[in-house]
Amino acid sequence: MPNSPSTSIRRLALLLTLFGLFPTWAAWAQDDSGPPPAPTDLTATVKGANQVTLSWKHASPDGVLFEIQKKAGAGDFAPAGKIEGATTFPASGLTASTKYLFRVRSTKGD
């Protein structure tokens, strides 16, 4: 059975990724049936006593919905917000001198 064009593209993308060539294109050419790749390199920049700006990297953020969760102290993670197609998020309403953990996950956008 001959390869379909989309199968050939995925194989080419994998090959290019293995050799470190065109990583952004390789992520774009992935199969749309699964979830988008996870964001990487999450950082937080303090913007004031009660706000930070979260930033992360993503190979192809267009059309990807990012769900941000935060955890204060020893509590559980709770939703902090959602943003589509962007790789920054302003987290506000934080309490001074409180330890926060943030996590970001990618899902398919609308």
PDB file of N, CA and C in Angstrom:
ATOM      1  N   MET A   1       0.858  -1.182   0.000  1.00  0.00           N
ATOM      2  CA  MET A   1       0.000   0.000   0.000  1.00  0.00           C
ATOM      3  C   MET A   1       0.895   1.233   0.000  1.00  0.00           C
ATOM      4  N   PRO A   2       0.715   2.155  -0.939  1.00  0.00           N
ATOM      5  CA  PRO A   2       1.563   3.341  -1.006  1.00  0.00           C
ATOM      6  C   PRO A   2       1.304   4.272   0.166  1.00  0.00           C
ATOM      7  N   ASN A   3       2.306   5.057   0.493  1.00  0.00           N
ATOM      8  CA  ASN A   3       2.169   6.037   1.580  1.00  0.00           C
ATOM      9  C   ASN A   3       1.269   7.182   1.143  1.00  0.00           C
ATOM     10  N   SER A   4       0.432   7.626   2.047  1.00  0.00           N
ATOM     11  CA  SER A   4      -0.368   8.812   1.767  1.00  0.00           C
ATOM     12  C   SER A   4       0.537  10.037   1.917  1.00  0.00           C
ATOM     13  N   PRO A   5       0.164  11.167   1.311  1.00  0.00           N
ATOM     14  CA  PRO A   5       0.996  12.372   1.450  1.00  0.00           C
ATOM     15  C   PRO A   5       1.212  12.776   2.906  1.00  0.00           C
ATOM     16  N   SER A   6       0.163  12.660   3.749  1.00  0.00           N
ATOM     17  CA  SER A   6       0.326  13.082   5.135  1.00  0.00           C
ATOM     18  C   SER A   6       1.289  12.165   5.881  1.00  0.00           C
ATOM     19  N   THR A   7       1.293  10.859   5.567  1.00  0.00           N
ATOM     20  CA  THR A   7       2.234   9.938   6.191  1.00  0.00           C
ATOM     21  C   THR A   7       3.649  10.299   5.792  1.00  0.00           C
ATOM     22  N   SER A   8       3.866  10.611   4.543  1.00  0.00           N
ATOM     23  CA  SER A   8       5.194  10.998   4.078  1.00  0.00           C
ATOM     24  C   SER A   8       5.662  12.267   4.762  1.00  0.00           C
ATOM     25  N   ILE A   9       4.755  13.220   4.952  1.00  0.00           N
ATOM     26  CA  ILE A   9       5.118  14.469   5.623  1.00  0.00           C
ATOM     27  C   ILE A   9       5.519  14.193   7.059  1.00  0.00           C
ATOM     28  N   ARG A  10       4.765  13.354   7.772  1.00  0.00           N
ATOM     29  CA  ARG A  10       5.096  13.047   9.159  1.00  0.00           C
ATOM     30  C   ARG A  10       6.451  12.360   9.234  1.00  0.00           C
ATOM     31  N   ARG A  11       6.741  11.446   8.317  1.00  0.00           N
ATOM     32  CA  ARG A  11       8.037  10.769   8.321  1.00  0.00           C
ATOM     33  C   ARG A  11       9.154  11.746   8.026  1.00  0.00           C
ATOM     34  N   LEU A  12       8.945  12.656   7.102  1.00  0.00           N
ATOM     35  CA  LEU A  12       9.941  13.657   6.783  1.00  0.00           C
ATOM     36  C   LEU A  12      10.161  14.561   7.988  1.00  0.00           C
ATOM     37  N   ALA A  13       9.084  14.948   8.659  1.00  0.00           N
ATOM     38  CA  ALA A  13       9.205  15.797   9.835  1.00  0.00           C
ATOM     39  C   ALA A  13      10.002  15.094  10.918  1.00  0.00           C
ATOM     40  N   LEU A  14       9.759  13.817  11.117  1.00  0.00           N
ATOM     41  CA  LEU A  14      10.492  13.045  12.104  1.00  0.00           C
ATOM     42  C   LEU A  14      11.966  12.992  11.729  1.00  0.00           C
ATOM     43  N   LEU A  15      12.257  12.753  10.490  1.00  0.00           N
ATOM     44  CA  LEU A  15      13.630  12.693  10.024  1.00  0.00           C
ATOM     45  C   LEU A  15      14.317  14.038  10.235  1.00  0.00           C
ATOM     46  N   LEU A  16      13.655  15.122   9.875  1.00  0.00           N
ATOM     47  CA  LEU A  16      14.229  16.447  10.062  1.00  0.00           C
ATOM     48  C   LEU A  16      14.456  16.742  11.535  1.00  0.00           C
ATOM     49  N   THR A  17      13.527  16.308  12.383  1.00  0.00           N
ATOM     50  CA  THR A  17      13.674  16.532  13.813  1.00  0.00           C
ATOM     51  C   THR A  17      14.859  15.741  14.363  1.00  0.00           C
ATOM     52  N   LEU A  18      15.031  14.519  13.923  1.00  0.00           N
ATOM     53  CA  LEU A  18      16.139  13.700  14.399  1.00  0.00           C
ATOM     54  C   LEU A  18      17.488  14.340  14.083  1.00  0.00           C
ATOM     55  N   PHE A  19      17.579  15.035  12.981  1.00  0.00           N
ATOM     56  CA  PHE A  19      18.822  15.681  12.595  1.00  0.00           C
ATOM     57  C   PHE A  19      18.882  17.139  13.057  1.00  0.00           C
ATOM     58  N   GLY A  20      17.885  17.588  13.810  1.00  0.00           N
ATOM     59  CA  GLY A  20      17.885  18.933  14.351  1.00  0.00           C
ATOM     60  C   GLY A  20      17.588  20.028  13.339  1.00  0.00           C
ATOM     61  N   LEU A  21      16.986  19.675  12.221  1.00  0.00           N
ATOM     62  CA  LEU A  21      16.671  20.650  11.182  1.00  0.00           C
ATOM     63  C   LEU A  21      15.202  21.032  11.252  1.00  0.00           C
ATOM     64  N   PHE A  22      14.910  22.285  11.077  1.00  0.00           N
ATOM     65  CA  PHE A  22      13.542  22.784  10.973  1.00  0.00           C
ATOM     66  C   PHE A  22      12.619  22.292  12.101  1.00  0.00           C
ATOM     67  N   PRO A  23      12.985  22.496  13.372  1.00  0.00           N
ATOM     68  CA  PRO A  23      12.122  21.989  14.446  1.00  0.00           C
ATOM     69  C   PRO A  23      10.727  22.608  14.454  1.00  0.00           C
ATOM     70  N   THR A  24      10.586  23.873  14.068  1.00  0.00           N
ATOM     71  CA  THR A  24       9.261  24.500  14.046  1.00  0.00           C
ATOM     72  C   THR A  24       8.403  23.874  12.961  1.00  0.00           C
ATOM     73  N   TRP A  25       8.963  23.676  11.778  1.00  0.00           N
ATOM     74  CA  TRP A  25       8.227  23.047  10.695  1.00  0.00           C
ATOM     75  C   TRP A  25       7.827  21.625  11.074  1.00  0.00           C
ATOM     76  N   ALA A  26       8.721  20.909  11.749  1.00  0.00           N
ATOM     77  CA  ALA A  26       8.438  19.532  12.142  1.00  0.00           C
ATOM     78  C   ALA A  26       7.232  19.485  13.082  1.00  0.00           C
ATOM     79  N   ALA A  27       7.157  20.439  14.007  1.00  0.00           N
ATOM     80  CA  ALA A  27       6.018  20.468  14.924  1.00  0.00           C
ATOM     81  C   ALA A  27       4.736  20.799  14.164  1.00  0.00           C
ATOM     82  N   TRP A  28       4.826  21.685  13.182  1.00  0.00           N
ATOM     83  CA  TRP A  28       3.647  22.041  12.395  1.00  0.00           C
ATOM     84  C   TRP A  28       3.120  20.862  11.611  1.00  0.00           C
ATOM     85  N   ALA A  29       4.011  19.978  11.147  1.00  0.00           N
ATOM     86  CA  ALA A  29       3.611  18.883  10.279  1.00  0.00           C
ATOM     87  C   ALA A  29       3.092  17.670  11.041  1.00  0.00           C
ATOM     88  N   GLN A  30       3.002  17.761  12.355  1.00  0.00           N
ATOM     89  CA  GLN A  30       2.571  16.598  13.117  1.00  0.00           C
ATOM     90  C   GLN A  30       1.117  16.233  12.835  1.00  0.00           C
ATOM     91  N   ASP A  31       0.754  15.051  13.212  1.00  0.00           N
ATOM     92  CA  ASP A  31      -0.600  14.542  13.037  1.00  0.00           C
ATOM     93  C   ASP A  31      -1.552  15.302  13.957  1.00  0.00           C
ATOM     94  N   ASP A  32      -2.683  15.799  13.432  1.00  0.00           N
ATOM     95  CA  ASP A  32      -3.639  16.562  14.216  1.00  0.00           C
ATOM     96  C   ASP A  32      -4.566  15.705  15.072  1.00  0.00           C
ATOM     97  N   SER A  33      -4.439  14.387  15.030  1.00  0.00           N
ATOM     98  CA  SER A  33      -5.368  13.549  15.781  1.00  0.00           C
ATOM     99  C   SER A  33      -5.049  13.513  17.267  1.00  0.00           C
ATOM    100  N   GLY A  34      -3.832  13.847  17.675  1.00  0.00           N
ATOM    101  CA  GLY A  34      -3.453  13.820  19.087  1.00  0.00           C
ATOM    102  C   GLY A  34      -3.376  15.217  19.667  1.00  0.00           C
ATOM    103  N   PRO A  35      -3.046  15.299  20.947  1.00  0.00           N
ATOM    104  CA  PRO A  35      -2.929  16.615  21.581  1.00  0.00           C
ATOM    105  C   PRO A  35      -1.691  17.346  21.065  1.00  0.00           C
ATOM    106  N   PRO A  36      -1.690  18.675  21.154  1.00  0.00           N
ATOM    107  CA  PRO A  36      -0.502  19.422  20.745  1.00  0.00           C
ATOM    108  C   PRO A  36       0.649  19.136  21.711  1.00  0.00           C
ATOM    109  N   PRO A  37       1.887  19.387  21.278  1.00  0.00           N
ATOM    110  CA  PRO A  37       3.018  19.155  22.178  1.00  0.00           C
ATOM    111  C   PRO A  37       2.943  20.056  23.405  1.00  0.00           C
ATOM    112  N   ALA A  38       3.562  19.619  24.460  1.00  0.00           N
ATOM    113  CA  ALA A  38       3.551  20.374  25.711  1.00  0.00           C
ATOM    114  C   ALA A  38       4.425  21.616  25.597  1.00  0.00           C
ATOM    115  N   PRO A  39       4.046  22.690  26.295  1.00  0.00           N
ATOM    116  CA  PRO A  39       4.912  23.867  26.341  1.00  0.00           C
ATOM    117  C   PRO A  39       6.177  23.556  27.147  1.00  0.00           C
ATOM    118  N   THR A  40       7.235  24.319  26.909  1.00  0.00           N
ATOM    119  CA  THR A  40       8.503  24.109  27.618  1.00  0.00           C
ATOM    120  C   THR A  40       9.018  25.428  28.165  1.00  0.00           C
ATOM    121  N   ASP A  41      10.019  25.343  29.017  1.00  0.00           N
ATOM    122  CA  ASP A  41      10.752  26.505  29.531  1.00  0.00           C
ATOM    123  C   ASP A  41       9.854  27.556  30.170  1.00  0.00           C
ATOM    124  N   LEU A  42       9.002  27.142  31.092  1.00  0.00           N
ATOM    125  CA  LEU A  42       8.112  28.073  31.795  1.00  0.00           C
ATOM    126  C   LEU A  42       8.933  28.959  32.727  1.00  0.00           C
ATOM    127  N   THR A  43       8.738  30.271  32.601  1.00  0.00           N
ATOM    128  CA  THR A  43       9.407  31.230  33.477  1.00  0.00           C
ATOM    129  C   THR A  43       8.374  32.221  34.001  1.00  0.00           C
ATOM    130  N   ALA A  44       8.705  32.886  35.102  1.00  0.00           N
ATOM    131  CA  ALA A  44       7.847  33.910  35.683  1.00  0.00           C
ATOM    132  C   ALA A  44       8.674  35.168  35.916  1.00  0.00           C
ATOM    133  N   THR A  45       8.130  36.304  35.510  1.00  0.00           N
ATOM    134  CA  THR A  45       8.772  37.599  35.714  1.00  0.00           C
ATOM    135  C   THR A  45       7.890  38.421  36.635  1.00  0.00           C
ATOM    136  N   VAL A  46       8.444  38.890  37.731  1.00  0.00           N
ATOM    137  CA  VAL A  46       7.680  39.690  38.692  1.00  0.00           C
ATOM    138  C   VAL A  46       7.358  41.043  38.076  1.00  0.00           C
ATOM    139  N   LYS A  47       6.085  41.410  38.128  1.00  0.00           N
ATOM    140  CA  LYS A  47       5.614  42.683  37.570  1.00  0.00           C
ATOM    141  C   LYS A  47       5.100  43.633  38.645  1.00  0.00           C
ATOM    142  N   GLY A  48       5.107  43.204  39.869  1.00  0.00           N
ATOM    143  CA  GLY A  48       4.629  44.020  40.982  1.00  0.00           C
ATOM    144  C   GLY A  48       4.460  43.126  42.197  1.00  0.00           C
ATOM    145  N   ALA A  49       3.987  43.713  43.300  1.00  0.00           N
ATOM    146  CA  ALA A  49       3.832  42.963  44.544  1.00  0.00           C
ATOM    147  C   ALA A  49       2.827  41.821  44.412  1.00  0.00           C
ATOM    148  N   ASN A  50       1.869  41.948  43.496  1.00  0.00           N
ATOM    149  CA  ASN A  50       0.803  40.956  43.397  1.00  0.00           C
ATOM    150  C   ASN A  50       0.626  40.395  41.995  1.00  0.00           C
ATOM    151  N   GLN A  51       1.642  40.529  41.132  1.00  0.00           N
ATOM    152  CA  GLN A  51       1.490  40.046  39.750  1.00  0.00           C
ATOM    153  C   GLN A  51       2.816  39.539  39.195  1.00  0.00           C
ATOM    154  N   VAL A  52       2.724  38.460  38.413  1.00  0.00           N
ATOM    155  CA  VAL A  52       3.845  37.952  37.623  1.00  0.00           C
ATOM    156  C   VAL A  52       3.343  37.720  36.204  1.00  0.00           C
ATOM    157  N   THR A  53       4.261  37.737  35.265  1.00  0.00           N
ATOM    158  CA  THR A  53       3.931  37.368  33.897  1.00  0.00           C
ATOM    159  C   THR A  53       4.612  36.043  33.607  1.00  0.00           C
ATOM    160  N   LEU A  54       3.812  35.051  33.256  1.00  0.00           N
ATOM    161  CA  LEU A  54       4.341  33.737  32.901  1.00  0.00           C
ATOM    162  C   LEU A  54       4.671  33.728  31.419  1.00  0.00           C
ATOM    163  N   SER A  55       5.768  33.084  31.064  1.00  0.00           N
ATOM    164  CA  SER A  55       6.169  32.927  29.663  1.00  0.00           C
ATOM    165  C   SER A  55       6.617  31.498  29.451  1.00  0.00           C
ATOM    166  N   TRP A  56       6.384  30.983  28.259  1.00  0.00           N
ATOM    167  CA  TRP A  56       6.816  29.632  27.919  1.00  0.00           C
ATOM    168  C   TRP A  56       7.093  29.569  26.430  1.00  0.00           C
ATOM    169  N   LYS A  57       7.692  28.453  26.030  1.00  0.00           N
ATOM    170  CA  LYS A  57       7.969  28.241  24.611  1.00  0.00           C
ATOM    171  C   LYS A  57       7.046  27.152  24.083  1.00  0.00           C
ATOM    172  N   HIS A  58       6.667  27.297  22.826  1.00  0.00           N
ATOM    173  CA  HIS A  58       5.844  26.291  22.162  1.00  0.00           C
ATOM    174  C   HIS A  58       6.176  26.327  20.683  1.00  0.00           C
ATOM    175  N   ALA A  59       6.316  25.160  20.074  1.00  0.00           N
ATOM    176  CA  ALA A  59       6.744  25.071  18.677  1.00  0.00           C
ATOM    177  C   ALA A  59       5.775  25.759  17.719  1.00  0.00           C
ATOM    178  N   SER A  60       4.482  25.656  17.982  1.00  0.00           N
ATOM    179  CA  SER A  60       3.487  26.222  17.072  1.00  0.00           C
ATOM    180  C   SER A  60       2.252  26.628  17.869  1.00  0.00           C
ATOM    181  N   PRO A  61       2.264  27.816  18.517  1.00  0.00           N
ATOM    182  CA  PRO A  61       1.168  28.187  19.403  1.00  0.00           C
ATOM    183  C   PRO A  61      -0.150  28.538  18.723  1.00  0.00           C
ATOM    184  N   ASP A  62      -0.147  28.824  17.407  1.00  0.00           N
ATOM    185  CA  ASP A  62      -1.384  29.205  16.731  1.00  0.00           C
ATOM    186  C   ASP A  62      -2.420  28.096  16.838  1.00  0.00           C
ATOM    187  N   GLY A  63      -3.620  28.446  17.303  1.00  0.00           N
ATOM    188  CA  GLY A  63      -4.704  27.478  17.416  1.00  0.00           C
ATOM    189  C   GLY A  63      -4.599  26.570  18.626  1.00  0.00           C
ATOM    190  N   VAL A  64      -3.623  26.820  19.496  1.00  0.00           N
ATOM    191  CA  VAL A  64      -3.454  26.001  20.694  1.00  0.00           C
ATOM    192  C   VAL A  64      -3.992  26.775  21.890  1.00  0.00           C
ATOM    193  N   LEU A  65      -4.788  26.113  22.706  1.00  0.00           N
ATOM    194  CA  LEU A  65      -5.317  26.704  23.927  1.00  0.00           C
ATOM    195  C   LEU A  65      -4.418  26.275  25.081  1.00  0.00           C
ATOM    196  N   PHE A  66      -3.922  27.253  25.834  1.00  0.00           N
ATOM    197  CA  PHE A  66      -3.079  26.960  26.991  1.00  0.00           C
ATOM    198  C   PHE A  66      -3.902  27.159  28.253  1.00  0.00           C
ATOM    199  N   GLU A  67      -3.896  26.143  29.100  1.00  0.00           N
ATOM    200  CA  GLU A  67      -4.594  26.202  30.382  1.00  0.00           C
ATOM    201  C   GLU A  67      -3.545  26.397  31.473  1.00  0.00           C
ATOM    202  N   ILE A  68      -3.704  27.444  32.259  1.00  0.00           N
ATOM    203  CA  ILE A  68      -2.753  27.775  33.306  1.00  0.00           C
ATOM    204  C   ILE A  68      -3.377  27.435  34.650  1.00  0.00           C
ATOM    205  N   GLN A  69      -2.591  26.770  35.493  1.00  0.00           N
ATOM    206  CA  GLN A  69      -3.047  26.428  36.840  1.00  0.00           C
ATOM    207  C   GLN A  69      -2.020  26.952  37.832  1.00  0.00           C
ATOM    208  N   LYS A  70      -2.501  27.295  39.033  1.00  0.00           N
ATOM    209  CA  LYS A  70      -1.594  27.755  40.079  1.00  0.00           C
ATOM    210  C   LYS A  70      -1.892  27.019  41.379  1.00  0.00           C
ATOM    211  N   LYS A  71      -0.877  26.978  42.209  1.00  0.00           N
ATOM    212  CA  LYS A  71      -0.971  26.315  43.501  1.00  0.00           C
ATOM    213  C   LYS A  71      -0.307  27.230  44.516  1.00  0.00           C
ATOM    214  N   ALA A  72      -1.031  27.584  45.562  1.00  0.00           N
ATOM    215  CA  ALA A  72      -0.494  28.443  46.611  1.00  0.00           C
ATOM    216  C   ALA A  72      -0.105  27.584  47.808  1.00  0.00           C
ATOM    217  N   GLY A  73       1.145  27.713  48.242  1.00  0.00           N
ATOM    218  CA  GLY A  73       1.601  26.958  49.409  1.00  0.00           C
ATOM    219  C   GLY A  73       1.428  25.460  49.210  1.00  0.00           C
ATOM    220  N   ALA A  74       0.823  24.816  50.201  1.00  0.00           N
ATOM    221  CA  ALA A  74       0.638  23.358  50.155  1.00  0.00           C
ATOM    222  C   ALA A  74      -0.717  22.969  49.573  1.00  0.00           C
ATOM    223  N   GLY A  75      -1.453  23.921  49.036  1.00  0.00           N
ATOM    224  CA  GLY A  75      -2.785  23.640  48.498  1.00  0.00           C
ATOM    225  C   GLY A  75      -2.739  22.836  47.209  1.00  0.00           C
ATOM    226  N   ASP A  76      -3.902  22.677  46.615  1.00  0.00           N
ATOM    227  CA  ASP A  76      -4.032  21.950  45.347  1.00  0.00           C
ATOM    228  C   ASP A  76      -3.940  22.932  44.182  1.00  0.00           C
ATOM    229  N   PHE A  77      -3.612  22.398  42.997  1.00  0.00           N
ATOM    230  CA  PHE A  77      -3.628  23.228  41.798  1.00  0.00           C
ATOM    231  C   PHE A  77      -5.066  23.612  41.469  1.00  0.00           C
ATOM    232  N   ALA A  78      -5.240  24.859  41.060  1.00  0.00           N
ATOM    233  CA  ALA A  78      -6.555  25.378  40.688  1.00  0.00           C
ATOM    234  C   ALA A  78      -6.409  26.172  39.386  1.00  0.00           C
ATOM    235  N   PRO A  79      -7.484  26.265  38.593  1.00  0.00           N
ATOM    236  CA  PRO A  79      -7.400  27.040  37.349  1.00  0.00           C
ATOM    237  C   PRO A  79      -7.032  28.502  37.620  1.00  0.00           C
ATOM    238  N   ALA A  80      -6.107  29.016  36.814  1.00  0.00           N
ATOM    239  CA  ALA A  80      -5.734  30.431  36.903  1.00  0.00           C
ATOM    240  C   ALA A  80      -6.177  31.183  35.659  1.00  0.00           C
ATOM    241  N   GLY A  81      -6.447  30.460  34.568  1.00  0.00           N
ATOM    242  CA  GLY A  81      -6.905  31.095  33.352  1.00  0.00           C
ATOM    243  C   GLY A  81      -6.569  30.293  32.118  1.00  0.00           C
ATOM    244  N   LYS A  82      -7.020  30.798  30.987  1.00  0.00           N
ATOM    245  CA  LYS A  82      -6.767  30.176  29.686  1.00  0.00           C
ATOM    246  C   LYS A  82      -6.400  31.275  28.707  1.00  0.00           C
ATOM    247  N   ILE A  83      -5.551  30.916  27.742  1.00  0.00           N
ATOM    248  CA  ILE A  83      -5.194  31.863  26.695  1.00  0.00           C
ATOM    249  C   ILE A  83      -4.918  31.067  25.421  1.00  0.00           C
ATOM    250  N   GLU A  84      -5.387  31.583  24.294  1.00  0.00           N
ATOM    251  CA  GLU A  84      -5.218  30.862  23.035  1.00  0.00           C
ATOM    252  C   GLU A  84      -4.215  31.570  22.132  1.00  0.00           C
ATOM    253  N   GLY A  85      -3.293  30.782  21.582  1.00  0.00           N
ATOM    254  CA  GLY A  85      -2.366  31.286  20.576  1.00  0.00           C
ATOM    255  C   GLY A  85      -1.302  32.244  21.084  1.00  0.00           C
ATOM    256  N   ALA A  86      -1.073  32.317  22.377  1.00  0.00           N
ATOM    257  CA  ALA A  86      -0.060  33.209  22.942  1.00  0.00           C
ATOM    258  C   ALA A  86       0.845  32.411  23.873  1.00  0.00           C
ATOM    259  N   THR A  87       2.008  32.940  24.155  1.00  0.00           N
ATOM    260  CA  THR A  87       2.942  32.238  25.038  1.00  0.00           C
ATOM    261  C   THR A  87       3.311  33.077  26.260  1.00  0.00           C
ATOM    262  N   THR A  88       2.425  33.973  26.638  1.00  0.00           N
ATOM    263  CA  THR A  88       2.570  34.717  27.894  1.00  0.00           C
ATOM    264  C   THR A  88       1.203  34.824  28.562  1.00  0.00           C
ATOM    265  N   PHE A  89       1.221  34.963  29.880  1.00  0.00           N
ATOM    266  CA  PHE A  89      -0.022  35.073  30.647  1.00  0.00           C
ATOM    267  C   PHE A  89       0.238  35.910  31.888  1.00  0.00           C
ATOM    268  N   PRO A  90      -0.554  36.979  32.116  1.00  0.00           N
ATOM    269  CA  PRO A  90      -0.394  37.766  33.337  1.00  0.00           C
ATOM    270  C   PRO A  90      -1.169  37.119  34.491  1.00  0.00           C
ATOM    271  N   ALA A  91      -0.469  36.716  35.515  1.00  0.00           N
ATOM    272  CA  ALA A  91      -1.111  36.140  36.702  1.00  0.00           C
ATOM    273  C   ALA A  91      -1.146  37.225  37.774  1.00  0.00           C
ATOM    274  N   SER A  92      -2.347  37.654  38.107  1.00  0.00           N
ATOM    275  CA  SER A  92      -2.492  38.749  39.073  1.00  0.00           C
ATOM    276  C   SER A  92      -3.325  38.287  40.266  1.00  0.00           C
ATOM    277  N   GLY A  93      -3.473  39.170  41.238  1.00  0.00           N
ATOM    278  CA  GLY A  93      -4.244  38.842  42.434  1.00  0.00           C
ATOM    279  C   GLY A  93      -3.487  37.914  43.368  1.00  0.00           C
ATOM    280  N   LEU A  94      -2.163  37.900  43.274  1.00  0.00           N
ATOM    281  CA  LEU A  94      -1.348  37.035  44.120  1.00  0.00           C
ATOM    282  C   LEU A  94      -1.119  37.704  45.473  1.00  0.00           C
ATOM    283  N   THR A  95      -0.858  36.893  46.483  1.00  0.00           N
ATOM    284  CA  THR A  95      -0.609  37.393  47.831  1.00  0.00           C
ATOM    285  C   THR A  95       0.891  37.460  48.078  1.00  0.00           C
ATOM    286  N   ALA A  96       1.357  38.602  48.555  1.00  0.00           N
ATOM    287  CA  ALA A  96       2.788  38.773  48.829  1.00  0.00           C
ATOM    288  C   ALA A  96       3.267  37.731  49.843  1.00  0.00           C
ATOM    289  N   SER A  97       4.521  37.337  49.725  1.00  0.00           N
ATOM    290  CA  SER A  97       5.184  36.383  50.630  1.00  0.00           C
ATOM    291  C   SER A  97       4.544  35.010  50.617  1.00  0.00           C
ATOM    292  N   THR A  98       3.865  34.648  49.542  1.00  0.00           N
ATOM    293  CA  THR A  98       3.266  33.319  49.390  1.00  0.00           C
ATOM    294  C   THR A  98       3.967  32.603  48.253  1.00  0.00           C
ATOM    295  N   LYS A  99       4.315  31.342  48.487  1.00  0.00           N
ATOM    296  CA  LYS A  99       4.960  30.539  47.453  1.00  0.00           C
ATOM    297  C   LYS A  99       3.894  30.021  46.492  1.00  0.00           C
ATOM    298  N   TYR A 100       4.094  30.265  45.184  1.00  0.00           N
ATOM    299  CA  TYR A 100       3.173  29.804  44.157  1.00  0.00           C
ATOM    300  C   TYR A 100       3.905  28.867  43.201  1.00  0.00           C
ATOM    301  N   LEU A 101       3.208  27.853  42.769  1.00  0.00           N
ATOM    302  CA  LEU A 101       3.669  27.000  41.684  1.00  0.00           C
ATOM    303  C   LEU A 101       2.678  27.154  40.542  1.00  0.00           C
ATOM    304  N   PHE A 102       3.190  27.247  39.324  1.00  0.00           N
ATOM    305  CA  PHE A 102       2.348  27.358  38.138  1.00  0.00           C
ATOM    306  C   PHE A 102       2.650  26.207  37.195  1.00  0.00           C
ATOM    307  N   ARG A 103       1.655  25.797  36.457  1.00  0.00           N
ATOM    308  CA  ARG A 103       1.864  24.829  35.383  1.00  0.00           C
ATOM    309  C   ARG A 103       0.971  25.206  34.211  1.00  0.00           C
ATOM    310  N   VAL A 104       1.467  24.890  33.026  1.00  0.00           N
ATOM    311  CA  VAL A 104       0.771  25.238  31.788  1.00  0.00           C
ATOM    312  C   VAL A 104       0.651  23.976  30.954  1.00  0.00           C
ATOM    313  N   ARG A 105      -0.539  23.726  30.426  1.00  0.00           N
ATOM    314  CA  ARG A 105      -0.707  22.589  29.535  1.00  0.00           C
ATOM    315  C   ARG A 105      -1.365  23.062  28.247  1.00  0.00           C
ATOM    316  N   SER A 106      -1.054  22.366  27.183  1.00  0.00           N
ATOM    317  CA  SER A 106      -1.617  22.744  25.887  1.00  0.00           C
ATOM    318  C   SER A 106      -2.734  21.777  25.503  1.00  0.00           C
ATOM    319  N   THR A 107      -3.783  22.337  24.927  1.00  0.00           N
ATOM    320  CA  THR A 107      -4.900  21.549  24.418  1.00  0.00           C
ATOM    321  C   THR A 107      -5.279  22.132  23.060  1.00  0.00           C
ATOM    322  N   LYS A 108      -6.150  21.462  22.364  1.00  0.00           N
ATOM    323  CA  LYS A 108      -6.600  22.000  21.078  1.00  0.00           C
ATOM    324  C   LYS A 108      -7.539  23.168  21.315  1.00  0.00           C
ATOM    325  N   GLY A 109      -7.314  24.248  20.567  1.00  0.00           N
ATOM    326  CA  GLY A 109      -8.174  25.423  20.670  1.00  0.00           C
ATOM    327  C   GLY A 109      -9.475  25.200  19.921  1.00  0.00           C
ATOM    328  N   ASP A 110     -10.341  26.207  19.977  1.00  0.00           N
ATOM    329  CA  ASP A 110     -11.638  26.108  19.298  1.00  0.00           C
ATOM    330  C   ASP A 110     -11.488  26.181  17.806  1.00  0.00           C
TER     331      ASP A 110
END
